[in-house]
N, C-alpha and C. Protein backbone atom coordinates (compact mmCIF):
# COMPACT_ATOMS: atom_id res chain seq x y z
N MET A 1 125.33 131.44 73.43
CA MET A 1 124.50 130.93 74.50
C MET A 1 125.08 129.62 75.01
N VAL A 2 125.13 129.43 76.32
CA VAL A 2 125.71 128.24 76.92
C VAL A 2 124.58 127.36 77.47
N ARG A 3 124.67 126.08 77.14
CA ARG A 3 123.67 125.11 77.56
C ARG A 3 124.01 124.59 78.96
N ASN A 4 122.99 124.40 79.79
CA ASN A 4 123.19 123.83 81.11
C ASN A 4 123.44 122.33 80.96
N ARG A 5 124.62 121.87 81.32
CA ARG A 5 124.99 120.47 81.11
C ARG A 5 124.30 119.52 82.07
N GLN A 6 123.88 120.01 83.20
CA GLN A 6 123.19 119.17 84.16
C GLN A 6 121.80 119.74 84.43
N PRO A 7 120.82 119.32 83.63
CA PRO A 7 119.47 119.84 83.84
C PRO A 7 118.94 119.43 85.21
N VAL A 8 118.12 120.28 85.77
CA VAL A 8 117.57 120.04 87.11
C VAL A 8 116.12 119.58 86.97
N LEU A 9 115.81 118.49 87.63
CA LEU A 9 114.45 117.97 87.62
C LEU A 9 113.78 118.39 88.92
N ASP A 10 112.69 119.11 88.81
CA ASP A 10 111.97 119.59 89.99
C ASP A 10 110.92 118.56 90.39
N LEU A 11 111.19 117.82 91.46
CA LEU A 11 110.27 116.78 91.92
C LEU A 11 109.18 117.33 92.84
N ASN A 12 109.21 118.61 93.13
CA ASN A 12 108.24 119.21 94.03
C ASN A 12 107.20 120.05 93.28
N LEU A 13 106.95 119.73 92.04
CA LEU A 13 106.02 120.51 91.22
C LEU A 13 104.64 120.63 91.85
N PHE A 14 104.14 119.55 92.43
CA PHE A 14 102.77 119.54 92.95
C PHE A 14 102.74 119.55 94.48
N GLU A 15 103.82 119.93 95.09
CA GLU A 15 103.90 119.92 96.54
C GLU A 15 102.89 120.86 97.19
N GLU A 16 102.65 122.00 96.59
CA GLU A 16 101.75 122.99 97.18
C GLU A 16 100.29 122.79 96.77
N SER A 17 100.05 121.86 95.87
CA SER A 17 98.69 121.61 95.40
C SER A 17 97.90 120.82 96.44
N ASP A 18 96.67 121.25 96.70
CA ASP A 18 95.81 120.54 97.65
C ASP A 18 94.98 119.45 96.98
N GLU A 19 94.91 119.48 95.67
CA GLU A 19 94.10 118.51 94.95
C GLU A 19 94.80 117.16 94.91
N ALA A 20 94.02 116.11 95.08
CA ALA A 20 94.56 114.76 94.98
C ALA A 20 94.75 114.41 93.52
N LEU A 21 95.88 113.85 93.19
CA LEU A 21 96.13 113.43 91.82
C LEU A 21 95.42 112.11 91.58
N MET A 22 94.79 111.98 90.44
CA MET A 22 94.02 110.77 90.14
C MET A 22 94.56 110.13 88.88
N THR A 23 94.46 108.82 88.81
CA THR A 23 94.85 108.11 87.60
C THR A 23 93.60 107.48 87.00
N ASN A 24 93.53 107.50 85.71
CA ASN A 24 92.40 106.92 85.01
C ASN A 24 92.73 105.51 84.57
N ILE A 25 91.70 104.72 84.33
CA ILE A 25 91.91 103.40 83.77
C ILE A 25 92.40 103.58 82.34
N LYS A 26 93.51 102.93 82.04
CA LYS A 26 94.06 103.05 80.69
C LYS A 26 93.15 102.33 79.70
N PRO A 27 92.84 102.95 78.60
CA PRO A 27 92.02 102.25 77.60
C PRO A 27 92.84 101.13 76.95
N ARG A 28 92.13 100.15 76.45
CA ARG A 28 92.80 99.07 75.76
C ARG A 28 93.55 99.64 74.56
N LYS A 29 94.78 99.20 74.38
CA LYS A 29 95.58 99.72 73.27
C LYS A 29 94.98 99.25 71.95
N LYS A 30 95.09 100.13 70.96
CA LYS A 30 94.55 99.79 69.64
C LYS A 30 95.26 98.55 69.11
N GLY A 31 94.49 97.68 68.53
CA GLY A 31 95.05 96.46 67.96
C GLY A 31 95.19 95.33 68.97
N LEU A 32 94.97 95.59 70.24
CA LEU A 32 95.07 94.57 71.27
C LEU A 32 93.69 93.96 71.47
N THR A 33 93.50 92.78 70.95
CA THR A 33 92.22 92.11 71.07
C THR A 33 92.36 90.90 72.00
N VAL A 34 91.29 90.53 72.61
CA VAL A 34 91.28 89.38 73.51
C VAL A 34 91.08 88.13 72.67
N ASP A 35 92.01 87.19 72.78
CA ASP A 35 91.95 85.95 72.02
C ASP A 35 91.60 84.81 72.98
N PRO A 36 90.38 84.28 72.92
CA PRO A 36 89.95 83.25 73.87
C PRO A 36 90.67 81.91 73.70
N THR A 37 91.48 81.74 72.67
CA THR A 37 92.20 80.48 72.47
C THR A 37 93.58 80.48 73.12
N LYS A 38 93.99 81.60 73.69
CA LYS A 38 95.32 81.71 74.28
C LYS A 38 95.35 81.15 75.71
N ASN A 39 96.54 80.75 76.15
CA ASN A 39 96.72 80.19 77.49
C ASN A 39 96.63 81.27 78.56
N LEU A 40 96.06 80.88 79.69
CA LEU A 40 95.81 81.79 80.81
C LEU A 40 96.34 81.15 82.09
N LEU A 41 97.04 81.95 82.89
CA LEU A 41 97.45 81.53 84.22
C LEU A 41 96.63 82.32 85.21
N ILE A 42 96.00 81.61 86.13
CA ILE A 42 95.28 82.26 87.22
C ILE A 42 96.12 82.04 88.46
N GLY A 43 96.43 83.13 89.15
CA GLY A 43 97.30 83.04 90.32
C GLY A 43 96.63 83.61 91.56
N TYR A 44 96.77 82.90 92.66
CA TYR A 44 96.21 83.32 93.93
C TYR A 44 96.96 84.55 94.44
N VAL A 45 96.20 85.53 94.92
CA VAL A 45 96.77 86.74 95.50
C VAL A 45 96.53 86.69 97.00
N LYS A 46 97.60 86.81 97.77
CA LYS A 46 97.47 86.77 99.23
C LYS A 46 96.61 87.93 99.71
N PRO A 47 95.85 87.72 100.80
CA PRO A 47 94.94 88.76 101.29
C PRO A 47 95.61 90.11 101.57
N ASP A 48 96.86 90.10 102.02
CA ASP A 48 97.53 91.37 102.30
C ASP A 48 97.93 92.12 101.04
N ASN A 49 97.80 91.47 99.88
CA ASN A 49 98.17 92.09 98.61
C ASN A 49 96.97 92.25 97.68
N SER A 50 95.78 91.87 98.13
CA SER A 50 94.60 91.88 97.25
C SER A 50 94.19 93.30 96.87
N GLU A 51 94.41 94.27 97.74
CA GLU A 51 94.04 95.65 97.43
C GLU A 51 94.81 96.18 96.22
N TYR A 52 96.05 95.74 96.07
CA TYR A 52 96.89 96.13 94.94
C TYR A 52 96.25 95.71 93.62
N PHE A 53 95.65 94.52 93.59
CA PHE A 53 95.06 94.02 92.35
C PHE A 53 93.61 94.44 92.16
N GLU A 54 92.96 94.98 93.16
CA GLU A 54 91.58 95.43 92.98
C GLU A 54 91.51 96.79 92.30
N ASP A 55 92.62 97.49 92.21
CA ASP A 55 92.71 98.77 91.51
C ASP A 55 92.98 98.48 90.04
N ALA A 56 91.95 98.41 89.24
CA ALA A 56 92.08 98.00 87.84
C ALA A 56 92.63 99.11 86.97
N GLY A 57 93.09 98.71 85.83
CA GLY A 57 93.49 99.67 84.81
C GLY A 57 94.94 100.04 84.81
N LEU A 58 95.69 99.61 85.80
CA LEU A 58 97.09 99.95 85.85
C LEU A 58 97.93 98.71 85.57
N ASP A 59 99.12 98.92 85.03
CA ASP A 59 100.03 97.81 84.84
C ASP A 59 100.49 97.33 86.21
N LYS A 60 100.67 96.03 86.35
CA LYS A 60 100.99 95.43 87.65
C LYS A 60 102.20 94.52 87.52
N ILE A 61 102.71 94.13 88.68
CA ILE A 61 103.75 93.11 88.77
C ILE A 61 103.25 92.05 89.73
N TYR A 62 103.32 90.77 89.31
CA TYR A 62 102.88 89.66 90.14
C TYR A 62 104.08 88.78 90.46
N TYR A 63 104.34 88.57 91.74
CA TYR A 63 105.40 87.69 92.20
C TYR A 63 104.79 86.36 92.61
N THR A 64 105.32 85.27 92.08
CA THR A 64 104.85 83.96 92.50
C THR A 64 105.51 83.60 93.82
N GLY A 65 105.16 82.45 94.33
CA GLY A 65 105.87 81.93 95.49
C GLY A 65 107.29 81.56 95.05
N LYS A 66 108.04 81.00 95.93
CA LYS A 66 109.42 80.64 95.61
C LYS A 66 109.45 79.71 94.41
N THR A 67 110.44 79.87 93.55
CA THR A 67 110.48 79.13 92.29
C THR A 67 110.49 77.63 92.48
N LYS A 68 111.06 77.15 93.58
CA LYS A 68 111.07 75.70 93.78
C LYS A 68 109.67 75.15 94.04
N SER A 69 108.72 76.02 94.40
CA SER A 69 107.35 75.55 94.64
C SER A 69 106.40 75.90 93.48
N PHE A 70 106.91 76.52 92.42
CA PHE A 70 106.06 76.82 91.26
C PHE A 70 105.86 75.53 90.48
N PRO A 71 104.63 75.24 90.06
CA PRO A 71 104.36 73.95 89.40
C PRO A 71 105.10 73.79 88.07
N SER A 72 105.75 72.66 87.93
CA SER A 72 106.51 72.38 86.70
C SER A 72 105.60 72.02 85.54
N THR A 73 104.32 71.79 85.79
CA THR A 73 103.38 71.44 84.72
C THR A 73 102.94 72.65 83.90
N VAL A 74 103.23 73.86 84.38
CA VAL A 74 102.84 75.08 83.67
C VAL A 74 103.90 75.39 82.62
N ALA A 75 103.49 75.45 81.37
CA ALA A 75 104.40 75.77 80.27
C ALA A 75 104.53 77.29 80.17
N LEU A 76 105.58 77.83 80.75
CA LEU A 76 105.76 79.28 80.80
C LEU A 76 105.83 79.91 79.41
N ASN A 77 106.41 79.20 78.46
CA ASN A 77 106.56 79.77 77.12
C ASN A 77 105.24 79.86 76.35
N LYS A 78 104.17 79.24 76.87
CA LYS A 78 102.87 79.30 76.20
C LYS A 78 101.89 80.24 76.89
N LEU A 79 102.25 80.74 78.06
CA LEU A 79 101.34 81.64 78.78
C LEU A 79 101.21 82.96 78.04
N TYR A 80 99.99 83.47 78.00
CA TYR A 80 99.72 84.71 77.28
C TYR A 80 99.01 85.71 78.19
N TYR A 81 98.03 85.23 78.96
CA TYR A 81 97.24 86.08 79.84
C TYR A 81 97.41 85.66 81.30
N PHE A 82 97.05 86.58 82.19
CA PHE A 82 97.08 86.33 83.63
C PHE A 82 95.83 86.94 84.25
N MET A 83 95.24 86.23 85.20
CA MET A 83 94.13 86.76 86.00
C MET A 83 94.44 86.53 87.46
N PRO A 84 94.41 87.60 88.28
CA PRO A 84 94.63 87.41 89.72
C PRO A 84 93.37 86.86 90.38
N TYR A 85 93.56 85.88 91.26
CA TYR A 85 92.46 85.28 92.00
C TYR A 85 92.43 85.90 93.40
N ILE A 86 91.33 86.59 93.72
CA ILE A 86 91.15 87.21 95.03
C ILE A 86 90.30 86.25 95.88
N LYS A 87 90.83 85.83 97.02
CA LYS A 87 90.13 84.87 97.88
C LYS A 87 88.77 85.42 98.30
N GLY A 88 87.74 84.58 98.18
CA GLY A 88 86.39 84.97 98.55
C GLY A 88 85.63 85.70 97.45
N LYS A 89 86.32 86.09 96.38
CA LYS A 89 85.68 86.80 95.28
C LYS A 89 85.82 86.03 93.97
N GLY A 90 87.04 85.71 93.58
CA GLY A 90 87.30 85.03 92.32
C GLY A 90 88.18 85.86 91.42
N VAL A 91 87.95 85.77 90.10
CA VAL A 91 88.75 86.51 89.12
C VAL A 91 87.86 87.53 88.41
N ARG A 92 88.47 88.62 88.00
CA ARG A 92 87.74 89.64 87.26
C ARG A 92 88.62 90.35 86.24
N ASP A 93 89.82 90.74 86.60
CA ASP A 93 90.69 91.52 85.73
C ASP A 93 91.56 90.62 84.87
N LEU A 94 91.73 91.03 83.62
CA LEU A 94 92.53 90.27 82.67
C LEU A 94 93.76 91.10 82.31
N TYR A 95 94.92 90.47 82.38
CA TYR A 95 96.18 91.13 82.07
C TYR A 95 96.93 90.35 80.99
N LEU A 96 97.64 91.06 80.16
CA LEU A 96 98.55 90.47 79.19
C LEU A 96 99.89 90.31 79.89
N ILE A 97 100.51 89.15 79.76
CA ILE A 97 101.83 88.94 80.34
C ILE A 97 102.85 89.53 79.38
N ARG A 98 103.39 90.67 79.75
CA ARG A 98 104.38 91.33 78.90
C ARG A 98 105.75 90.68 79.02
N MET A 99 106.08 90.24 80.24
CA MET A 99 107.38 89.63 80.46
C MET A 99 107.31 88.71 81.67
N ALA A 100 107.97 87.59 81.56
CA ALA A 100 108.15 86.68 82.69
C ALA A 100 109.65 86.59 82.94
N ARG A 101 110.05 86.81 84.18
CA ARG A 101 111.49 86.81 84.49
C ARG A 101 111.69 86.27 85.91
N ILE A 102 112.94 86.07 86.26
CA ILE A 102 113.30 85.67 87.62
C ILE A 102 113.64 86.93 88.40
N GLY A 103 113.09 87.05 89.59
CA GLY A 103 113.35 88.21 90.43
C GLY A 103 113.33 87.82 91.89
N ARG A 104 113.37 88.82 92.75
CA ARG A 104 113.36 88.59 94.19
C ARG A 104 112.33 89.51 94.85
N LYS A 105 111.76 89.06 95.94
CA LYS A 105 110.78 89.85 96.67
C LYS A 105 111.41 91.13 97.20
N SER A 106 112.69 91.10 97.50
CA SER A 106 113.38 92.26 98.05
C SER A 106 113.49 93.41 97.04
N GLU A 107 113.19 93.17 95.75
CA GLU A 107 113.17 94.26 94.77
C GLU A 107 112.10 95.28 95.14
N ILE A 108 110.95 94.80 95.58
CA ILE A 108 109.83 95.67 95.94
C ILE A 108 109.84 95.99 97.43
N HIS A 109 110.18 95.00 98.25
CA HIS A 109 110.18 95.18 99.70
C HIS A 109 111.61 95.01 100.22
N PRO A 110 112.43 96.06 100.14
CA PRO A 110 113.83 95.92 100.56
C PRO A 110 114.01 95.60 102.05
N GLU A 111 112.98 95.90 102.85
CA GLU A 111 113.08 95.65 104.29
C GLU A 111 113.01 94.16 104.63
N CYS A 112 112.47 93.35 103.72
CA CYS A 112 112.39 91.91 104.00
C CYS A 112 113.71 91.25 103.61
N ASN A 113 114.02 90.18 104.27
CA ASN A 113 115.28 89.48 104.02
C ASN A 113 115.08 88.28 103.09
N ASP A 114 114.00 88.28 102.34
CA ASP A 114 113.68 87.16 101.46
C ASP A 114 114.38 87.36 100.12
N ASP A 115 115.47 86.65 99.92
CA ASP A 115 116.21 86.76 98.66
C ASP A 115 116.08 85.51 97.80
N ASP A 116 115.08 84.68 98.09
CA ASP A 116 114.85 83.49 97.27
C ASP A 116 114.35 83.91 95.90
N PRO A 117 114.78 83.23 94.84
CA PRO A 117 114.31 83.58 93.50
C PRO A 117 112.83 83.27 93.33
N ARG A 118 112.14 84.14 92.60
CA ARG A 118 110.71 83.99 92.31
C ARG A 118 110.47 84.30 90.85
N LEU A 119 109.39 83.76 90.32
CA LEU A 119 108.96 84.16 88.98
C LEU A 119 108.24 85.49 89.10
N VAL A 120 108.55 86.40 88.22
CA VAL A 120 107.95 87.72 88.23
C VAL A 120 107.26 87.93 86.88
N PHE A 121 105.98 88.26 86.93
CA PHE A 121 105.22 88.54 85.72
C PHE A 121 104.96 90.03 85.66
N GLU A 122 105.42 90.67 84.59
CA GLU A 122 105.11 92.08 84.37
C GLU A 122 103.86 92.10 83.50
N LEU A 123 102.80 92.73 83.99
CA LEU A 123 101.47 92.62 83.42
C LEU A 123 100.96 93.95 82.87
N GLN A 124 100.21 93.86 81.79
CA GLN A 124 99.55 95.02 81.19
C GLN A 124 98.04 94.79 81.22
N PHE A 125 97.31 95.74 81.80
CA PHE A 125 95.86 95.61 81.91
C PHE A 125 95.24 95.55 80.53
N VAL A 126 94.30 94.58 80.34
CA VAL A 126 93.62 94.42 79.06
C VAL A 126 92.13 94.69 79.19
N ASP A 127 91.47 94.01 80.13
CA ASP A 127 90.02 94.12 80.21
C ASP A 127 89.57 93.68 81.60
N ARG A 128 88.29 93.94 81.88
CA ARG A 128 87.71 93.57 83.17
C ARG A 128 86.35 92.92 82.91
N LEU A 129 86.11 91.79 83.57
CA LEU A 129 84.80 91.14 83.49
C LEU A 129 83.79 92.00 84.25
N PRO A 130 82.51 91.94 83.89
CA PRO A 130 81.51 92.77 84.58
C PRO A 130 81.41 92.48 86.08
N GLU A 131 81.67 91.24 86.47
CA GLU A 131 81.62 90.88 87.89
C GLU A 131 82.62 89.76 88.14
N TYR A 132 82.91 89.54 89.41
CA TYR A 132 83.84 88.47 89.78
C TYR A 132 83.27 87.11 89.39
N LYS A 133 84.15 86.22 88.98
CA LYS A 133 83.74 84.87 88.61
C LYS A 133 84.58 83.88 89.42
N THR A 134 83.91 82.94 90.08
CA THR A 134 84.63 81.97 90.88
C THR A 134 85.19 80.87 89.99
N VAL A 135 86.41 80.48 90.28
CA VAL A 135 87.07 79.39 89.56
C VAL A 135 87.75 78.51 90.58
N ARG A 136 88.08 77.31 90.15
CA ARG A 136 88.79 76.36 91.01
C ARG A 136 90.28 76.44 90.69
N LEU A 137 91.12 76.45 91.72
CA LEU A 137 92.57 76.48 91.55
C LEU A 137 93.12 75.08 91.86
N PRO A 138 93.25 74.23 90.83
CA PRO A 138 93.62 72.83 91.08
C PRO A 138 95.09 72.59 91.40
N ILE A 139 95.98 73.51 91.04
CA ILE A 139 97.41 73.29 91.26
C ILE A 139 97.80 73.90 92.59
N PHE A 140 98.02 73.08 93.60
CA PHE A 140 98.39 73.50 94.96
C PHE A 140 97.39 74.48 95.57
N LYS A 141 96.17 74.54 95.05
CA LYS A 141 95.14 75.50 95.48
C LYS A 141 95.64 76.94 95.34
N THR A 142 96.57 77.13 94.41
CA THR A 142 97.19 78.44 94.20
C THR A 142 97.17 78.87 92.74
N TYR A 143 97.22 77.93 91.82
CA TYR A 143 97.31 78.26 90.40
C TYR A 143 96.31 77.45 89.58
N ALA A 144 95.96 78.00 88.43
CA ALA A 144 95.20 77.27 87.42
C ALA A 144 95.81 77.64 86.07
N ASP A 145 96.11 76.65 85.27
CA ASP A 145 96.64 76.84 83.94
C ASP A 145 95.56 76.36 82.97
N THR A 146 94.99 77.28 82.21
CA THR A 146 93.84 76.94 81.39
C THR A 146 93.83 77.78 80.11
N ILE A 147 92.73 77.74 79.39
CA ILE A 147 92.53 78.53 78.19
C ILE A 147 91.57 79.67 78.55
N LEU A 148 91.81 80.87 78.06
CA LEU A 148 91.00 82.02 78.41
C LEU A 148 89.52 81.82 78.13
N GLY A 149 89.19 81.19 77.01
CA GLY A 149 87.79 80.98 76.63
C GLY A 149 87.00 80.18 77.65
N LYS A 150 87.66 79.28 78.38
CA LYS A 150 86.97 78.49 79.40
C LYS A 150 86.55 79.33 80.60
N VAL A 151 87.22 80.44 80.83
CA VAL A 151 86.93 81.28 81.98
C VAL A 151 85.94 82.39 81.63
N ILE A 152 86.08 82.99 80.47
CA ILE A 152 85.24 84.15 80.15
C ILE A 152 83.90 83.77 79.54
N ASP A 153 83.71 82.49 79.17
CA ASP A 153 82.40 82.08 78.61
C ASP A 153 81.36 81.93 79.68
């Protein structure tokens, strides 16, 4: 018997299906507990991107503004959690910061010519507050660096 050396991946599996595919909110991973003593970064989400963060339960990517405008007072090595701030609503979803790296906006939006370096946070959904909670963003009216327990209490 001869093995096919180049397997074919059929990307049109659901092309004829009329049903909309749905994604469920991922349950919290076993062993992942919320620690109110850990550092939290709250970041402002621009109105044109707020819909992306209102869909809870999925892993997300958050791009900061240009790195030269990111506050130097935030200790990146101590950050543990992230909460997106939606203008007019506040914060609700809690994410674990899986990775912080340098990236570019053109990674996601190749049509834009913005190649300035940005901080990129790769986020894993952890939990959701029952309702939005308003907080103050003291750093450039864009960020808050705090402890999780101060926000969820």
